[in-house]
Amino acid sequence: NKMYHGVRDYDKSQPLTYLEMQPGDTVFFHPLLLHGSGTNRTEGFRKAISCHYASAHCRYYDISGTVQENIADEIKELAMKKYGVEI
């Protein structure tokens, strides 16, 4: 997953909880809950929807020169490659 950048300070001694799901099942996670899945070993593909909400009072922050600049560059590259959109 190109957009995955890992989890800082993850404590590997914390217990894991596994969910076994059936085709058609849906699960929702709180945005602050660490979650993920293993490799898809089927012939099919997984579908996912990610919804994000932001207040109308959000402000723009210039991230140039910060550790997040590389993430912004990846998003720009993806937008151009997939949609032909320059942002």
N, C-alpha and C. Protein backbone atom coordinates (compact mmCIF):
# COMPACT_ATOMS: atom_id res chain seq x y z
N ASN A 1 0.85 -1.17 0.00
CA ASN A 1 0.00 0.00 0.00
C ASN A 1 0.90 1.24 0.00
N LYS A 2 0.97 1.91 -1.10
CA LYS A 2 1.88 3.04 -1.26
C LYS A 2 1.63 4.14 -0.25
N MET A 3 0.37 4.34 0.15
CA MET A 3 0.06 5.46 1.05
C MET A 3 0.22 5.10 2.53
N TYR A 4 0.67 3.89 2.84
CA TYR A 4 0.86 3.48 4.23
C TYR A 4 2.25 3.91 4.70
N HIS A 5 2.31 4.62 5.80
CA HIS A 5 3.58 5.13 6.30
C HIS A 5 3.93 4.60 7.68
N GLY A 6 3.26 3.58 8.12
CA GLY A 6 3.58 2.97 9.40
C GLY A 6 2.95 3.69 10.57
N VAL A 7 3.23 3.16 11.76
CA VAL A 7 2.69 3.71 13.00
C VAL A 7 3.86 4.00 13.93
N ARG A 8 3.95 5.24 14.35
CA ARG A 8 5.03 5.62 15.26
C ARG A 8 4.77 5.11 16.66
N ASP A 9 5.81 4.69 17.34
CA ASP A 9 5.77 4.29 18.74
C ASP A 9 4.77 3.17 19.02
N TYR A 10 4.57 2.29 18.04
CA TYR A 10 3.66 1.16 18.23
C TYR A 10 4.26 0.19 19.24
N ASP A 11 3.49 -0.18 20.25
CA ASP A 11 3.94 -1.09 21.30
C ASP A 11 3.53 -2.51 20.91
N LYS A 12 4.48 -3.30 20.43
CA LYS A 12 4.18 -4.65 19.95
C LYS A 12 3.78 -5.61 21.06
N SER A 13 3.93 -5.19 22.32
CA SER A 13 3.52 -6.06 23.43
C SER A 13 2.02 -5.97 23.70
N GLN A 14 1.34 -5.00 23.08
CA GLN A 14 -0.11 -4.87 23.25
C GLN A 14 -0.81 -6.04 22.56
N PRO A 15 -1.86 -6.56 23.19
CA PRO A 15 -2.56 -7.70 22.57
C PRO A 15 -3.30 -7.29 21.30
N LEU A 16 -3.44 -8.23 20.37
CA LEU A 16 -4.17 -8.01 19.12
C LEU A 16 -5.53 -8.69 19.22
N THR A 17 -6.52 -8.15 18.55
CA THR A 17 -7.84 -8.76 18.46
C THR A 17 -8.10 -9.05 16.99
N TYR A 18 -8.49 -10.26 16.68
CA TYR A 18 -8.73 -10.65 15.30
C TYR A 18 -10.23 -10.72 15.02
N LEU A 19 -10.62 -10.25 13.87
CA LEU A 19 -12.01 -10.33 13.42
C LEU A 19 -12.08 -11.29 12.25
N GLU A 20 -12.92 -12.31 12.35
CA GLU A 20 -13.14 -13.17 11.20
C GLU A 20 -14.43 -12.71 10.55
N MET A 21 -14.34 -12.40 9.28
CA MET A 21 -15.51 -11.86 8.57
C MET A 21 -15.87 -12.79 7.42
N GLN A 22 -17.12 -12.70 7.04
CA GLN A 22 -17.65 -13.47 5.92
C GLN A 22 -17.86 -12.52 4.74
N PRO A 23 -17.92 -13.05 3.52
CA PRO A 23 -18.20 -12.18 2.37
C PRO A 23 -19.48 -11.36 2.61
N GLY A 24 -19.40 -10.07 2.35
CA GLY A 24 -20.54 -9.18 2.53
C GLY A 24 -20.59 -8.52 3.90
N ASP A 25 -19.75 -8.96 4.85
CA ASP A 25 -19.72 -8.34 6.18
C ASP A 25 -19.17 -6.92 6.09
N THR A 26 -19.57 -6.11 7.04
CA THR A 26 -19.09 -4.73 7.12
C THR A 26 -18.60 -4.48 8.53
N VAL A 27 -17.52 -3.75 8.66
CA VAL A 27 -17.01 -3.38 9.97
C VAL A 27 -16.62 -1.91 9.94
N PHE A 28 -16.85 -1.22 11.04
CA PHE A 28 -16.50 0.19 11.16
C PHE A 28 -15.46 0.34 12.27
N PHE A 29 -14.47 1.19 12.04
CA PHE A 29 -13.44 1.44 13.04
C PHE A 29 -13.42 2.92 13.39
N HIS A 30 -13.17 3.21 14.65
CA HIS A 30 -12.94 4.59 15.07
C HIS A 30 -11.62 5.03 14.44
N PRO A 31 -11.52 6.29 13.99
CA PRO A 31 -10.29 6.73 13.31
C PRO A 31 -9.02 6.64 14.16
N LEU A 32 -9.15 6.65 15.47
CA LEU A 32 -7.96 6.57 16.31
C LEU A 32 -7.60 5.14 16.71
N LEU A 33 -8.41 4.17 16.29
CA LEU A 33 -8.13 2.77 16.58
C LEU A 33 -7.18 2.22 15.52
N LEU A 34 -6.03 1.69 15.97
CA LEU A 34 -5.12 1.05 15.02
C LEU A 34 -5.80 -0.18 14.45
N HIS A 35 -5.84 -0.29 13.13
CA HIS A 35 -6.46 -1.45 12.51
C HIS A 35 -5.80 -1.71 11.16
N GLY A 36 -5.94 -2.92 10.71
CA GLY A 36 -5.35 -3.28 9.43
C GLY A 36 -5.73 -4.70 9.09
N SER A 37 -5.20 -5.18 7.98
CA SER A 37 -5.49 -6.55 7.55
C SER A 37 -4.25 -7.15 6.93
N GLY A 38 -4.24 -8.44 6.88
CA GLY A 38 -3.11 -9.13 6.25
C GLY A 38 -3.25 -9.11 4.74
N THR A 39 -2.37 -9.82 4.10
CA THR A 39 -2.36 -9.90 2.65
C THR A 39 -3.63 -10.59 2.15
N ASN A 40 -4.20 -10.06 1.10
CA ASN A 40 -5.35 -10.68 0.47
C ASN A 40 -4.86 -11.87 -0.34
N ARG A 41 -5.19 -13.07 0.11
CA ARG A 41 -4.71 -14.28 -0.55
C ARG A 41 -5.76 -14.92 -1.46
N THR A 42 -6.77 -14.14 -1.83
CA THR A 42 -7.81 -14.66 -2.71
C THR A 42 -7.58 -14.18 -4.13
N GLU A 43 -8.38 -14.68 -5.05
CA GLU A 43 -8.33 -14.23 -6.44
C GLU A 43 -9.06 -12.89 -6.61
N GLY A 44 -9.93 -12.56 -5.65
CA GLY A 44 -10.73 -11.34 -5.73
C GLY A 44 -10.00 -10.14 -5.17
N PHE A 45 -10.75 -9.09 -4.96
CA PHE A 45 -10.17 -7.88 -4.38
C PHE A 45 -11.05 -7.39 -3.25
N ARG A 46 -10.49 -6.60 -2.37
CA ARG A 46 -11.24 -6.04 -1.26
C ARG A 46 -11.81 -4.69 -1.65
N LYS A 47 -12.98 -4.42 -1.14
CA LYS A 47 -13.58 -3.10 -1.33
C LYS A 47 -13.51 -2.37 0.00
N ALA A 48 -13.23 -1.09 -0.05
CA ALA A 48 -13.16 -0.29 1.17
C ALA A 48 -13.70 1.10 0.89
N ILE A 49 -14.33 1.66 1.88
CA ILE A 49 -14.79 3.05 1.81
C ILE A 49 -14.22 3.76 3.02
N SER A 50 -13.65 4.90 2.79
CA SER A 50 -13.10 5.70 3.88
C SER A 50 -13.78 7.07 3.84
N CYS A 51 -14.47 7.40 4.90
CA CYS A 51 -15.18 8.68 4.98
C CYS A 51 -14.49 9.59 5.98
N HIS A 52 -14.26 10.82 5.58
CA HIS A 52 -13.63 11.79 6.46
C HIS A 52 -14.50 13.04 6.48
N TYR A 53 -14.69 13.56 7.65
CA TYR A 53 -15.48 14.77 7.80
C TYR A 53 -14.61 15.88 8.37
N ALA A 54 -14.83 17.08 7.91
CA ALA A 54 -14.04 18.22 8.39
C ALA A 54 -14.98 19.40 8.63
N SER A 55 -14.68 20.12 9.64
CA SER A 55 -15.46 21.32 9.97
C SER A 55 -15.30 22.37 8.88
N ALA A 56 -16.30 23.19 8.71
CA ALA A 56 -16.23 24.30 7.76
C ALA A 56 -15.21 25.34 8.23
N HIS A 57 -14.77 25.21 9.46
CA HIS A 57 -13.80 26.16 10.02
C HIS A 57 -12.35 25.68 9.89
N CYS A 58 -12.13 24.61 9.12
CA CYS A 58 -10.76 24.11 8.91
C CYS A 58 -9.93 25.17 8.20
N ARG A 59 -8.64 25.15 8.46
CA ARG A 59 -7.72 26.09 7.84
C ARG A 59 -6.63 25.34 7.09
N TYR A 60 -6.08 25.98 6.08
CA TYR A 60 -4.99 25.41 5.31
C TYR A 60 -3.67 25.67 6.02
N TYR A 61 -2.83 24.65 6.08
CA TYR A 61 -1.49 24.80 6.63
C TYR A 61 -0.49 24.39 5.57
N ASP A 62 0.48 25.23 5.31
CA ASP A 62 1.53 24.92 4.35
C ASP A 62 2.49 23.94 5.01
N ILE A 63 2.63 22.76 4.44
CA ILE A 63 3.50 21.74 5.03
C ILE A 63 4.85 21.65 4.34
N SER A 64 5.15 22.60 3.47
CA SER A 64 6.45 22.61 2.79
C SER A 64 7.57 22.60 3.82
N GLY A 65 8.53 21.71 3.60
CA GLY A 65 9.68 21.65 4.49
C GLY A 65 9.43 20.86 5.77
N THR A 66 8.24 20.25 5.92
CA THR A 66 7.96 19.45 7.11
C THR A 66 8.06 17.97 6.76
N VAL A 67 7.93 17.12 7.78
CA VAL A 67 8.01 15.68 7.54
C VAL A 67 6.81 15.18 6.73
N GLN A 68 5.75 15.96 6.61
CA GLN A 68 4.58 15.53 5.87
C GLN A 68 4.64 15.91 4.38
N GLU A 69 5.67 16.62 3.99
CA GLU A 69 5.77 17.05 2.60
C GLU A 69 5.84 15.85 1.64
N ASN A 70 6.54 14.79 2.05
CA ASN A 70 6.65 13.62 1.17
C ASN A 70 5.29 12.95 0.95
N ILE A 71 4.42 13.00 1.96
CA ILE A 71 3.08 12.43 1.81
C ILE A 71 2.29 13.27 0.80
N ALA A 72 2.39 14.58 0.90
CA ALA A 72 1.71 15.46 -0.05
C ALA A 72 2.20 15.20 -1.47
N ASP A 73 3.49 14.98 -1.63
CA ASP A 73 4.05 14.69 -2.95
C ASP A 73 3.49 13.38 -3.51
N GLU A 74 3.32 12.37 -2.65
CA GLU A 74 2.75 11.10 -3.10
C GLU A 74 1.31 11.29 -3.56
N ILE A 75 0.55 12.09 -2.84
CA ILE A 75 -0.85 12.34 -3.21
C ILE A 75 -0.91 13.06 -4.56
N LYS A 76 -0.04 14.04 -4.76
CA LYS A 76 0.00 14.75 -6.04
C LYS A 76 0.34 13.79 -7.18
N GLU A 77 1.31 12.92 -6.96
CA GLU A 77 1.72 11.95 -7.97
C GLU A 77 0.56 11.00 -8.29
N LEU A 78 -0.13 10.54 -7.26
CA LEU A 78 -1.26 9.63 -7.46
C LEU A 78 -2.40 10.31 -8.22
N ALA A 79 -2.71 11.56 -7.88
CA ALA A 79 -3.77 12.31 -8.56
C ALA A 79 -3.45 12.47 -10.04
N MET A 80 -2.20 12.74 -10.36
CA MET A 80 -1.80 12.91 -11.75
C MET A 80 -1.86 11.58 -12.50
N LYS A 81 -1.33 10.54 -11.87
CA LYS A 81 -1.28 9.24 -12.52
C LYS A 81 -2.67 8.64 -12.73
N LYS A 82 -3.53 8.71 -11.71
CA LYS A 82 -4.86 8.08 -11.81
C LYS A 82 -5.89 8.92 -12.52
N TYR A 83 -5.85 10.23 -12.31
CA TYR A 83 -6.92 11.08 -12.79
C TYR A 83 -6.48 12.18 -13.76
N GLY A 84 -5.17 12.28 -13.99
CA GLY A 84 -4.67 13.33 -14.86
C GLY A 84 -4.89 14.72 -14.29
N VAL A 85 -4.94 14.81 -12.98
CA VAL A 85 -5.22 16.07 -12.29
C VAL A 85 -3.96 16.56 -11.59
N GLU A 86 -3.59 17.80 -11.84
CA GLU A 86 -2.45 18.39 -11.16
C GLU A 86 -2.98 19.23 -9.99
N ILE A 87 -2.48 18.91 -8.79
CA ILE A 87 -2.93 19.67 -7.60
C ILE A 87 -1.77 20.37 -6.95
